[in-house]
Amino acid sequence: MVLAARPVLAQAGAGQPTPTSASGEEMSAGAYKPVLRPAKPNAKPSMDAKQIDEFERKLACPCPCTLDVYMCRTTMFSCGISPAVHGDVQRLVEGGYSADEIMNAMMDTYGDFILNAPRKQGFNLLAWFAPFVALAAGAVAIGALLRGWRMNAVKAAAVTKAESAAMTTAQRTDLEATPEELERLQAALREDR
């Protein structure tokens, strides 16, 4: 049995195409949704092939691959979704739609999930700025921690120095071992070996 080398579109339910892999497995139920708009009167293509490729890099492929549409259709030859989305983009370009109009049409059909990066507006700004805020807060916390440690070390050194200066000579001699005490200590150490 020979498997088809290219993905095929199997008909699903109400005439909607369902992308399938070369082995006939359904890629993801309902992942591909046609983006259809009527062509504008006297329409001329709004982008060339290179601009279409760049535009498709901004779109996340609806299949489970997590790639953008361009990468998915040029590397994942078993995916039937990215070529279908590419076909929609090409039809809209040939229909005279601008990149912004095509992006809006895609978002109307798929929602914000079609975007590779969140829009820089509203609540999505949190996704753009939260990492930088967290990094700055971490740097401030580490700086405060290091400053606290340094202050504690300075205080401990000052206390030790003051205690050492306050000791009398009698107290200092109490800290020194006599020759007999040193001999007993050395003998105890020899026995432990």
N, C-alpha and C. Protein backbone atom coordinates (compact mmCIF):
# COMPACT_ATOMS: atom_id res chain seq x y z
N MET A 1 0.85 -1.18 0.00
CA MET A 1 0.00 0.00 0.00
C MET A 1 0.89 1.24 0.00
N VAL A 2 0.62 2.19 -0.87
CA VAL A 2 1.41 3.41 -0.99
C VAL A 2 0.68 4.54 -0.31
N LEU A 3 1.36 5.24 0.58
CA LEU A 3 0.76 6.39 1.26
C LEU A 3 0.95 7.63 0.41
N ALA A 4 -0.02 8.51 0.47
CA ALA A 4 0.10 9.77 -0.26
C ALA A 4 1.24 10.58 0.33
N ALA A 5 2.02 11.21 -0.51
CA ALA A 5 3.17 11.98 -0.04
C ALA A 5 2.76 13.35 0.47
N ARG A 6 1.60 13.81 0.08
CA ARG A 6 1.14 15.12 0.49
C ARG A 6 -0.11 14.97 1.33
N PRO A 7 -0.40 15.93 2.20
CA PRO A 7 -1.61 15.86 3.01
C PRO A 7 -2.85 15.96 2.14
N VAL A 8 -3.89 15.36 2.61
CA VAL A 8 -5.16 15.42 1.89
C VAL A 8 -6.21 16.03 2.79
N LEU A 9 -7.22 16.59 2.21
CA LEU A 9 -8.32 17.14 2.97
C LEU A 9 -9.51 16.20 2.83
N ALA A 10 -9.90 15.58 3.93
CA ALA A 10 -11.06 14.70 3.94
C ALA A 10 -12.29 15.55 4.23
N GLN A 11 -13.39 15.22 3.64
CA GLN A 11 -14.61 15.97 3.88
C GLN A 11 -15.20 15.61 5.23
N ALA A 12 -15.54 16.62 6.02
CA ALA A 12 -16.11 16.40 7.35
C ALA A 12 -17.49 16.99 7.40
N GLY A 13 -18.41 16.23 7.90
CA GLY A 13 -19.75 16.70 8.18
C GLY A 13 -20.38 17.57 7.10
N ALA A 14 -20.48 18.87 7.38
CA ALA A 14 -21.23 19.79 6.53
C ALA A 14 -20.37 20.37 5.42
N GLY A 15 -19.54 19.56 4.80
CA GLY A 15 -18.75 20.03 3.68
C GLY A 15 -17.49 20.79 4.09
N GLN A 16 -17.22 20.88 5.39
CA GLN A 16 -16.01 21.56 5.87
C GLN A 16 -14.83 20.62 5.69
N PRO A 17 -13.72 21.07 5.10
CA PRO A 17 -12.56 20.19 4.97
C PRO A 17 -11.88 20.00 6.32
N THR A 18 -11.47 18.77 6.60
CA THR A 18 -10.75 18.45 7.83
C THR A 18 -9.35 18.04 7.43
N PRO A 19 -8.32 18.74 7.88
CA PRO A 19 -6.95 18.37 7.51
C PRO A 19 -6.59 17.00 8.05
N THR A 20 -5.92 16.21 7.22
CA THR A 20 -5.45 14.90 7.64
C THR A 20 -4.00 14.76 7.24
N SER A 21 -3.30 13.90 7.94
CA SER A 21 -1.90 13.65 7.60
C SER A 21 -1.85 12.70 6.43
N ALA A 22 -0.64 12.42 5.96
CA ALA A 22 -0.46 11.52 4.83
C ALA A 22 -0.99 10.13 5.14
N SER A 23 -0.99 9.74 6.41
CA SER A 23 -1.49 8.42 6.78
C SER A 23 -3.00 8.41 6.99
N GLY A 24 -3.65 9.56 6.82
CA GLY A 24 -5.09 9.62 6.94
C GLY A 24 -5.57 9.99 8.33
N GLU A 25 -4.67 10.24 9.28
CA GLU A 25 -5.08 10.61 10.63
C GLU A 25 -5.54 12.06 10.64
N GLU A 26 -6.59 12.31 11.38
CA GLU A 26 -7.08 13.68 11.52
C GLU A 26 -6.11 14.46 12.38
N MET A 27 -5.64 15.63 11.90
CA MET A 27 -4.63 16.42 12.61
C MET A 27 -5.17 16.95 13.92
N SER A 28 -6.27 17.64 13.90
CA SER A 28 -6.85 18.20 15.10
C SER A 28 -8.28 18.59 14.74
N ALA A 29 -9.22 18.04 15.43
CA ALA A 29 -10.61 18.29 15.10
C ALA A 29 -10.92 19.77 15.16
N GLY A 30 -11.36 20.32 14.06
CA GLY A 30 -11.77 21.72 14.01
C GLY A 30 -10.62 22.71 14.03
N ALA A 31 -9.38 22.26 13.82
CA ALA A 31 -8.24 23.17 13.88
C ALA A 31 -8.24 24.13 12.70
N TYR A 32 -8.57 23.65 11.51
CA TYR A 32 -8.59 24.53 10.34
C TYR A 32 -9.98 25.11 10.17
N LYS A 33 -10.03 26.42 10.07
CA LYS A 33 -11.28 27.12 9.81
C LYS A 33 -11.05 28.03 8.61
N PRO A 34 -11.79 27.85 7.55
CA PRO A 34 -11.56 28.69 6.36
C PRO A 34 -11.77 30.17 6.67
N VAL A 35 -10.89 30.99 6.15
CA VAL A 35 -11.00 32.44 6.28
C VAL A 35 -11.34 32.96 4.90
N LEU A 36 -12.61 33.19 4.69
CA LEU A 36 -13.09 33.58 3.36
C LEU A 36 -13.62 35.01 3.38
N ARG A 37 -13.20 35.79 2.45
CA ARG A 37 -13.70 37.15 2.25
C ARG A 37 -13.84 37.35 0.75
N PRO A 38 -14.87 38.07 0.31
CA PRO A 38 -15.00 38.31 -1.13
C PRO A 38 -13.89 39.24 -1.61
N ALA A 39 -13.43 39.01 -2.83
CA ALA A 39 -12.38 39.87 -3.38
C ALA A 39 -12.91 41.29 -3.56
N LYS A 40 -12.04 42.26 -3.37
CA LYS A 40 -12.42 43.65 -3.56
C LYS A 40 -12.55 43.93 -5.05
N PRO A 41 -13.40 44.89 -5.43
CA PRO A 41 -13.50 45.23 -6.86
C PRO A 41 -12.15 45.75 -7.37
N ASN A 42 -11.78 45.33 -8.57
CA ASN A 42 -10.51 45.71 -9.20
C ASN A 42 -9.32 45.40 -8.29
N ALA A 43 -9.37 44.25 -7.65
CA ALA A 43 -8.35 43.87 -6.66
C ALA A 43 -7.01 43.60 -7.33
N LYS A 44 -5.97 44.08 -6.67
CA LYS A 44 -4.59 43.80 -7.06
C LYS A 44 -3.90 43.20 -5.84
N PRO A 45 -2.99 42.26 -6.05
CA PRO A 45 -2.29 41.66 -4.90
C PRO A 45 -1.63 42.73 -4.04
N SER A 46 -1.81 42.62 -2.72
CA SER A 46 -1.29 43.63 -1.81
C SER A 46 0.12 43.31 -1.31
N MET A 47 0.59 42.06 -1.50
CA MET A 47 1.92 41.66 -1.03
C MET A 47 2.55 40.73 -2.06
N ASP A 48 3.88 40.71 -2.08
CA ASP A 48 4.58 39.74 -2.92
C ASP A 48 4.86 38.48 -2.10
N ALA A 49 5.50 37.50 -2.72
CA ALA A 49 5.73 36.21 -2.04
C ALA A 49 6.57 36.36 -0.77
N LYS A 50 7.59 37.20 -0.83
CA LYS A 50 8.45 37.39 0.35
C LYS A 50 7.67 38.04 1.49
N GLN A 51 6.82 39.00 1.19
CA GLN A 51 6.01 39.65 2.21
C GLN A 51 4.99 38.68 2.80
N ILE A 52 4.46 37.79 1.97
CA ILE A 52 3.52 36.77 2.47
C ILE A 52 4.24 35.85 3.45
N ASP A 53 5.47 35.43 3.09
CA ASP A 53 6.24 34.57 3.99
C ASP A 53 6.48 35.26 5.33
N GLU A 54 6.86 36.53 5.31
CA GLU A 54 7.08 37.29 6.55
C GLU A 54 5.78 37.43 7.34
N PHE A 55 4.68 37.65 6.65
CA PHE A 55 3.38 37.76 7.31
C PHE A 55 3.03 36.45 8.00
N GLU A 56 3.27 35.32 7.32
CA GLU A 56 2.92 34.02 7.87
C GLU A 56 3.78 33.66 9.08
N ARG A 57 4.93 34.29 9.25
CA ARG A 57 5.76 34.06 10.43
C ARG A 57 5.12 34.68 11.68
N LYS A 58 4.17 35.57 11.50
CA LYS A 58 3.47 36.19 12.62
C LYS A 58 2.26 35.37 13.05
N LEU A 59 1.90 34.37 12.24
CA LEU A 59 0.72 33.55 12.52
C LEU A 59 1.14 32.20 13.10
N ALA A 60 0.53 31.81 14.21
CA ALA A 60 0.78 30.50 14.79
C ALA A 60 -0.07 29.47 14.05
N CYS A 61 0.53 28.36 13.68
CA CYS A 61 -0.22 27.32 12.98
C CYS A 61 -1.24 26.71 13.94
N PRO A 62 -2.48 26.55 13.51
CA PRO A 62 -3.51 25.97 14.38
C PRO A 62 -3.32 24.48 14.69
N CYS A 63 -2.38 23.83 14.00
CA CYS A 63 -2.16 22.41 14.30
C CYS A 63 -1.35 22.29 15.58
N PRO A 64 -1.18 21.11 16.13
CA PRO A 64 -0.48 20.95 17.41
C PRO A 64 1.04 21.16 17.36
N CYS A 65 1.61 21.57 16.24
CA CYS A 65 3.07 21.62 16.09
C CYS A 65 3.74 22.77 16.83
N THR A 66 3.06 23.83 17.17
CA THR A 66 3.58 25.04 17.84
C THR A 66 4.52 25.87 16.98
N LEU A 67 4.57 25.65 15.69
CA LEU A 67 5.38 26.46 14.78
C LEU A 67 4.52 27.58 14.19
N ASP A 68 5.19 28.53 13.52
CA ASP A 68 4.40 29.51 12.78
C ASP A 68 3.96 28.87 11.46
N VAL A 69 3.02 29.51 10.78
CA VAL A 69 2.43 28.93 9.57
C VAL A 69 3.51 28.70 8.51
N TYR A 70 4.42 29.65 8.32
CA TYR A 70 5.46 29.51 7.30
C TYR A 70 6.35 28.29 7.60
N MET A 71 6.86 28.20 8.83
CA MET A 71 7.74 27.08 9.18
C MET A 71 7.00 25.75 9.10
N CYS A 72 5.78 25.71 9.53
CA CYS A 72 5.01 24.47 9.51
C CYS A 72 4.80 23.99 8.08
N ARG A 73 4.42 24.91 7.20
CA ARG A 73 4.13 24.46 5.82
C ARG A 73 5.38 24.14 5.03
N THR A 74 6.55 24.68 5.45
CA THR A 74 7.79 24.40 4.71
C THR A 74 8.61 23.27 5.33
N THR A 75 8.27 22.85 6.55
CA THR A 75 9.03 21.77 7.18
C THR A 75 8.18 20.57 7.58
N MET A 76 6.94 20.78 7.90
CA MET A 76 6.06 19.69 8.36
C MET A 76 5.18 19.26 7.18
N PHE A 77 5.72 18.38 6.35
CA PHE A 77 5.01 18.02 5.13
C PHE A 77 3.81 17.12 5.38
N SER A 78 3.63 16.67 6.61
CA SER A 78 2.47 15.85 6.92
C SER A 78 1.31 16.71 7.43
N CYS A 79 1.52 18.02 7.59
CA CYS A 79 0.47 18.90 8.09
C CYS A 79 -0.39 19.39 6.93
N GLY A 80 -1.66 19.27 7.09
CA GLY A 80 -2.58 19.77 6.08
C GLY A 80 -3.19 21.11 6.45
N ILE A 81 -2.92 21.56 7.66
CA ILE A 81 -3.52 22.81 8.14
C ILE A 81 -2.76 24.02 7.64
N SER A 82 -1.42 24.02 7.78
CA SER A 82 -0.65 25.20 7.37
C SER A 82 -0.78 25.49 5.87
N PRO A 83 -0.79 24.49 4.98
CA PRO A 83 -1.01 24.83 3.57
C PRO A 83 -2.40 25.41 3.32
N ALA A 84 -3.38 24.95 4.10
CA ALA A 84 -4.73 25.50 3.95
C ALA A 84 -4.78 26.95 4.40
N VAL A 85 -4.11 27.27 5.53
CA VAL A 85 -4.06 28.65 6.02
C VAL A 85 -3.29 29.50 5.02
N HIS A 86 -2.20 28.96 4.47
CA HIS A 86 -1.42 29.67 3.45
C HIS A 86 -2.30 29.98 2.24
N GLY A 87 -3.12 29.02 1.84
CA GLY A 87 -4.03 29.25 0.71
C GLY A 87 -5.01 30.38 1.02
N ASP A 88 -5.52 30.43 2.26
CA ASP A 88 -6.42 31.52 2.65
C ASP A 88 -5.70 32.86 2.57
N VAL A 89 -4.47 32.90 3.07
CA VAL A 89 -3.70 34.16 3.03
C VAL A 89 -3.48 34.58 1.58
N GLN A 90 -3.10 33.64 0.73
CA GLN A 90 -2.89 33.98 -0.69
C GLN A 90 -4.16 34.49 -1.35
N ARG A 91 -5.29 33.86 -1.08
CA ARG A 91 -6.57 34.32 -1.67
C ARG A 91 -6.91 35.73 -1.19
N LEU A 92 -6.66 36.00 0.09
CA LEU A 92 -6.95 37.34 0.61
C LEU A 92 -6.00 38.38 0.02
N VAL A 93 -4.75 38.02 -0.17
CA VAL A 93 -3.78 38.93 -0.80
C VAL A 93 -4.20 39.23 -2.23
N GLU A 94 -4.55 38.18 -2.96
CA GLU A 94 -4.99 38.36 -4.35
C GLU A 94 -6.32 39.10 -4.41
N GLY A 95 -7.09 39.03 -3.34
CA GLY A 95 -8.36 39.75 -3.27
C GLY A 95 -8.19 41.21 -2.93
N GLY A 96 -6.95 41.69 -2.75
CA GLY A 96 -6.69 43.10 -2.52
C GLY A 96 -6.68 43.51 -1.06
N TYR A 97 -6.65 42.55 -0.14
CA TYR A 97 -6.67 42.88 1.28
C TYR A 97 -5.25 43.19 1.77
N SER A 98 -5.13 44.18 2.66
CA SER A 98 -3.82 44.55 3.22
C SER A 98 -3.46 43.57 4.34
N ALA A 99 -2.22 43.67 4.81
CA ALA A 99 -1.75 42.79 5.88
C ALA A 99 -2.59 42.96 7.14
N ASP A 100 -2.93 44.21 7.48
CA ASP A 100 -3.75 44.45 8.67
C ASP A 100 -5.15 43.86 8.51
N GLU A 101 -5.73 44.00 7.33
CA GLU A 101 -7.06 43.44 7.08
C GLU A 101 -7.03 41.92 7.14
N ILE A 102 -5.97 41.33 6.61
CA ILE A 102 -5.85 39.86 6.66
C ILE A 102 -5.67 39.39 8.10
N MET A 103 -4.84 40.12 8.85
CA MET A 103 -4.62 39.76 10.26
C MET A 103 -5.94 39.86 11.04
N ASN A 104 -6.71 40.89 10.79
CA ASN A 104 -8.01 41.03 11.46
C ASN A 104 -8.95 39.90 11.07
N ALA A 105 -8.93 39.50 9.80
CA ALA A 105 -9.78 38.39 9.35
C ALA A 105 -9.36 37.09 10.03
N MET A 106 -8.06 36.90 10.15
CA MET A 106 -7.56 35.69 10.83
C MET A 106 -7.97 35.69 12.30
N MET A 107 -7.84 36.85 12.95
CA MET A 107 -8.21 36.94 14.37
C MET A 107 -9.72 36.82 14.55
N ASP A 108 -10.51 37.29 13.60
CA ASP A 108 -11.96 37.11 13.68
C ASP A 108 -12.32 35.63 13.65
N THR A 109 -11.57 34.86 12.87
CA THR A 109 -11.86 33.43 12.72
C THR A 109 -11.25 32.59 13.85
N TYR A 110 -9.99 32.83 14.18
CA TYR A 110 -9.27 31.99 15.14
C TYR A 110 -9.12 32.61 16.53
N GLY A 111 -9.34 33.90 16.65
CA GLY A 111 -9.09 34.58 17.91
C GLY A 111 -7.62 34.93 18.05
N ASP A 112 -7.20 35.33 19.23
CA ASP A 112 -5.81 35.72 19.46
C ASP A 112 -4.86 34.53 19.42
N PHE A 113 -5.38 33.30 19.41
CA PHE A 113 -4.53 32.12 19.38
C PHE A 113 -3.76 31.99 18.07
N ILE A 114 -4.18 32.70 17.03
CA ILE A 114 -3.49 32.64 15.74
C ILE A 114 -2.22 33.49 15.77
N LEU A 115 -2.08 34.36 16.76
CA LEU A 115 -0.91 35.24 16.85
C LEU A 115 0.27 34.53 17.49
N ASN A 116 1.46 34.72 16.94
CA ASN A 116 2.67 34.15 17.54
C ASN A 116 3.09 34.91 18.78
N ALA A 117 2.74 36.17 18.88
CA ALA A 117 3.07 36.99 20.04
C ALA A 117 1.80 37.75 20.44
N PRO A 118 1.59 37.95 21.73
CA PRO A 118 0.39 38.67 22.15
C PRO A 118 0.42 40.12 21.66
N ARG A 119 -0.77 40.65 21.43
CA ARG A 119 -0.86 42.06 21.00
C ARG A 119 -0.39 42.96 22.14
N LYS A 120 0.20 44.08 21.78
CA LYS A 120 0.71 45.02 22.79
C LYS A 120 -0.38 46.02 23.17
N GLN A 121 -1.41 45.49 23.80
CA GLN A 121 -2.50 46.35 24.26
C GLN A 121 -3.26 45.66 25.37
N GLY A 122 -3.90 46.44 26.21
CA GLY A 122 -4.73 45.91 27.28
C GLY A 122 -3.99 44.98 28.22
N PHE A 123 -4.65 43.91 28.61
CA PHE A 123 -4.10 42.94 29.55
C PHE A 123 -2.86 42.24 29.00
N ASN A 124 -2.75 42.15 27.66
CA ASN A 124 -1.60 41.49 27.04
C ASN A 124 -0.29 42.21 27.33
N LEU A 125 -0.36 43.48 27.71
CA LEU A 125 0.86 44.20 28.06
C LEU A 125 1.58 43.53 29.22
N LEU A 126 0.83 42.86 30.06
CA LEU A 126 1.42 42.13 31.18
C LEU A 126 2.41 41.08 30.68
N ALA A 127 2.08 40.41 29.59
CA ALA A 127 2.97 39.39 29.03
C ALA A 127 4.26 40.01 28.49
N TRP A 128 4.19 41.26 28.05
CA TRP A 128 5.37 41.92 27.52
C TRP A 128 6.26 42.49 28.63
N PHE A 129 5.67 43.01 29.69
CA PHE A 129 6.46 43.73 30.69
C PHE A 129 6.70 42.94 31.98
N ALA A 130 5.92 41.92 32.26
CA ALA A 130 6.08 41.16 33.50
C ALA A 130 7.48 40.57 33.67
N PRO A 131 8.11 40.02 32.63
CA PRO A 131 9.47 39.48 32.84
C PRO A 131 10.46 40.55 33.27
N PHE A 132 10.35 41.75 32.71
CA PHE A 132 11.28 42.82 33.07
C PHE A 132 11.02 43.32 34.49
N VAL A 133 9.75 43.40 34.87
CA VAL A 133 9.41 43.81 36.23
C VAL A 133 9.91 42.77 37.23
N ALA A 134 9.73 41.50 36.93
CA ALA A 134 10.20 40.43 37.82
C ALA A 134 11.72 40.46 37.94
N LEU A 135 12.40 40.70 36.84
CA LEU A 135 13.87 40.78 36.86
C LEU A 135 14.33 41.95 37.72
N ALA A 136 13.70 43.11 37.58
CA ALA A 136 14.07 44.28 38.39
C ALA A 136 13.77 44.03 39.87
N ALA A 137 12.63 43.44 40.18
CA ALA A 137 12.29 43.15 41.57
C ALA A 137 13.28 42.16 42.18
N GLY A 138 13.69 41.15 41.41
CA GLY A 138 14.69 40.19 41.88
C GLY A 138 16.03 40.86 42.15
N ALA A 139 16.43 41.78 41.28
CA ALA A 139 17.70 42.49 41.48
C ALA A 139 17.65 43.35 42.74
N VAL A 140 16.52 44.02 42.98
CA VAL A 140 16.37 44.83 44.19
C VAL A 140 16.41 43.95 45.43
N ALA A 141 15.73 42.81 45.39
CA ALA A 141 15.71 41.90 46.54
C ALA A 141 17.10 41.34 46.83
N ILE A 142 17.83 40.96 45.81
CA ILE A 142 19.19 40.44 46.01
C ILE A 142 20.10 41.53 46.57
N GLY A 143 19.96 42.76 46.04
CA GLY A 143 20.75 43.89 46.57
C GLY A 143 20.47 44.14 48.04
N ALA A 144 19.19 44.09 48.43
CA ALA A 144 18.83 44.30 49.84
C ALA A 144 19.37 43.17 50.71
N LEU A 145 19.31 41.96 50.22
CA LEU A 145 19.83 40.81 50.96
C LEU A 145 21.34 40.94 51.16
N LEU A 146 22.07 41.28 50.11
CA LEU A 146 23.52 41.44 50.23
C LEU A 146 23.89 42.59 51.17
N ARG A 147 23.15 43.69 51.08
CA ARG A 147 23.40 44.83 51.97
C ARG A 147 23.16 44.42 53.42
N GLY A 148 22.12 43.66 53.69
CA GLY A 148 21.84 43.18 55.05
C GLY A 148 22.94 42.28 55.57
N TRP A 149 23.42 41.38 54.73
CA TRP A 149 24.50 40.49 55.14
C TRP A 149 25.77 41.30 55.46
N ARG A 150 26.06 42.28 54.61
CA ARG A 150 27.25 43.10 54.83
C ARG A 150 27.14 43.87 56.14
N MET A 151 25.96 44.44 56.40
CA MET A 151 25.76 45.19 57.65
C MET A 151 25.93 44.27 58.87
N ASN A 152 25.39 43.07 58.80
CA ASN A 152 25.53 42.11 59.91
C ASN A 152 27.00 41.73 60.11
N ALA A 153 27.75 41.56 59.02
CA ALA A 153 29.16 41.21 59.13
C ALA A 153 29.95 42.36 59.76
N VAL A 154 29.64 43.59 59.38
CA VAL A 154 30.32 44.75 59.96
C VAL A 154 30.01 44.87 61.45
N LYS A 155 28.75 44.67 61.83
CA LYS A 155 28.37 44.73 63.25
C LYS A 155 29.06 43.64 64.04
N ALA A 156 29.11 42.42 63.51
CA ALA A 156 29.76 41.31 64.21
C ALA A 156 31.25 41.58 64.37
N ALA A 157 31.88 42.12 63.36
CA ALA A 157 33.32 42.42 63.45
C ALA A 157 33.56 43.52 64.48
N ALA A 158 32.69 44.51 64.56
CA ALA A 158 32.85 45.60 65.52
C ALA A 158 32.67 45.08 66.95
N VAL A 159 31.70 44.19 67.16
CA VAL A 159 31.47 43.62 68.48
C VAL A 159 32.67 42.79 68.91
N THR A 160 33.20 41.96 68.02
CA THR A 160 34.35 41.13 68.34
C THR A 160 35.57 41.99 68.67
N LYS A 161 35.77 43.03 67.90
CA LYS A 161 36.91 43.93 68.14
C LYS A 161 36.75 44.63 69.49
N ALA A 162 35.56 45.08 69.82
CA ALA A 162 35.31 45.76 71.09
C ALA A 162 35.50 44.80 72.26
N GLU A 163 35.02 43.57 72.14
CA GLU A 163 35.19 42.58 73.20
C GLU A 163 36.66 42.26 73.40
N SER A 164 37.39 42.15 72.31
CA SER A 164 38.82 41.84 72.41
C SER A 164 39.57 42.97 73.10
N ALA A 165 39.22 44.20 72.79
CA ALA A 165 39.88 45.35 73.40
C ALA A 165 39.51 45.47 74.87
N ALA A 166 38.34 45.05 75.26
CA ALA A 166 37.88 45.17 76.64
C ALA A 166 38.45 44.10 77.56
N MET A 167 39.02 43.05 77.02
CA MET A 167 39.57 41.99 77.85
C MET A 167 40.80 42.50 78.61
N THR A 168 40.86 42.09 79.83
CA THR A 168 42.04 42.44 80.63
C THR A 168 43.14 41.45 80.32
N THR A 169 44.32 41.79 80.72
CA THR A 169 45.44 40.87 80.49
C THR A 169 45.25 39.57 81.25
N ALA A 170 44.59 39.63 82.39
CA ALA A 170 44.34 38.41 83.16
C ALA A 170 43.40 37.49 82.38
N GLN A 171 42.41 38.09 81.77
CA GLN A 171 41.47 37.29 80.99
C GLN A 171 42.17 36.68 79.78
N ARG A 172 43.11 37.42 79.21
CA ARG A 172 43.82 36.91 78.04
C ARG A 172 44.71 35.73 78.42
N THR A 173 45.35 35.80 79.59
CA THR A 173 46.20 34.69 80.01
C THR A 173 45.38 33.47 80.33
N ASP A 174 44.10 33.68 80.75
CA ASP A 174 43.23 32.53 81.00
C ASP A 174 42.94 31.79 79.70
N LEU A 175 43.03 32.48 78.61
CA LEU A 175 42.75 31.86 77.34
C LEU A 175 43.95 31.09 76.81
N GLU A 176 45.13 31.39 77.34
CA GLU A 176 46.33 30.71 76.88
C GLU A 176 46.51 29.41 77.67
N ALA A 177 46.98 28.38 77.00
CA ALA A 177 47.19 27.08 77.65
C ALA A 177 48.58 27.02 78.26
N THR A 178 48.65 26.30 79.38
CA THR A 178 49.94 26.10 80.02
C THR A 178 50.64 24.95 79.32
N PRO A 179 51.95 24.82 79.51
CA PRO A 179 52.66 23.71 78.86
C PRO A 179 52.12 22.34 79.27
N GLU A 180 51.70 22.17 80.54
CA GLU A 180 51.14 20.90 80.97
C GLU A 180 49.85 20.59 80.24
N GLU A 181 49.01 21.62 80.06
CA GLU A 181 47.74 21.42 79.35
C GLU A 181 47.99 21.05 77.89
N LEU A 182 48.97 21.64 77.26
CA LEU A 182 49.30 21.31 75.88
C LEU A 182 49.80 19.88 75.76
N GLU A 183 50.62 19.38 76.74
CA GLU A 183 51.11 18.02 76.72
C GLU A 183 49.95 17.03 76.86
N ARG A 184 49.01 17.32 77.77
CA ARG A 184 47.84 16.44 77.95
C ARG A 184 47.00 16.39 76.67
N LEU A 185 46.86 17.52 76.02
CA LEU A 185 46.09 17.57 74.77
C LEU A 185 46.78 16.76 73.69
N GLN A 186 48.08 16.87 73.55
CA GLN A 186 48.81 16.11 72.55
C GLN A 186 48.73 14.61 72.85
N ALA A 187 48.81 14.22 74.11
CA ALA A 187 48.72 12.82 74.49
C ALA A 187 47.33 12.27 74.15
N ALA A 188 46.31 13.07 74.40
CA ALA A 188 44.93 12.63 74.09
C ALA A 188 44.76 12.45 72.58
N LEU A 189 45.38 13.32 71.82
CA LEU A 189 45.29 13.21 70.38
C LEU A 189 46.00 11.97 69.86
N ARG A 190 47.14 11.61 70.48
CA ARG A 190 47.88 10.41 70.07
C ARG A 190 47.07 9.14 70.36
N GLU A 191 46.36 9.15 71.49
CA GLU A 191 45.56 7.98 71.86
C GLU A 191 44.39 7.77 70.92
N ASP A 192 43.87 8.85 70.38
CA ASP A 192 42.70 8.74 69.47
C ASP A 192 43.08 8.13 68.13
N ARG A 193 44.31 8.16 67.78
CA ARG A 193 44.72 7.65 66.46
C ARG A 193 44.63 6.20 66.43
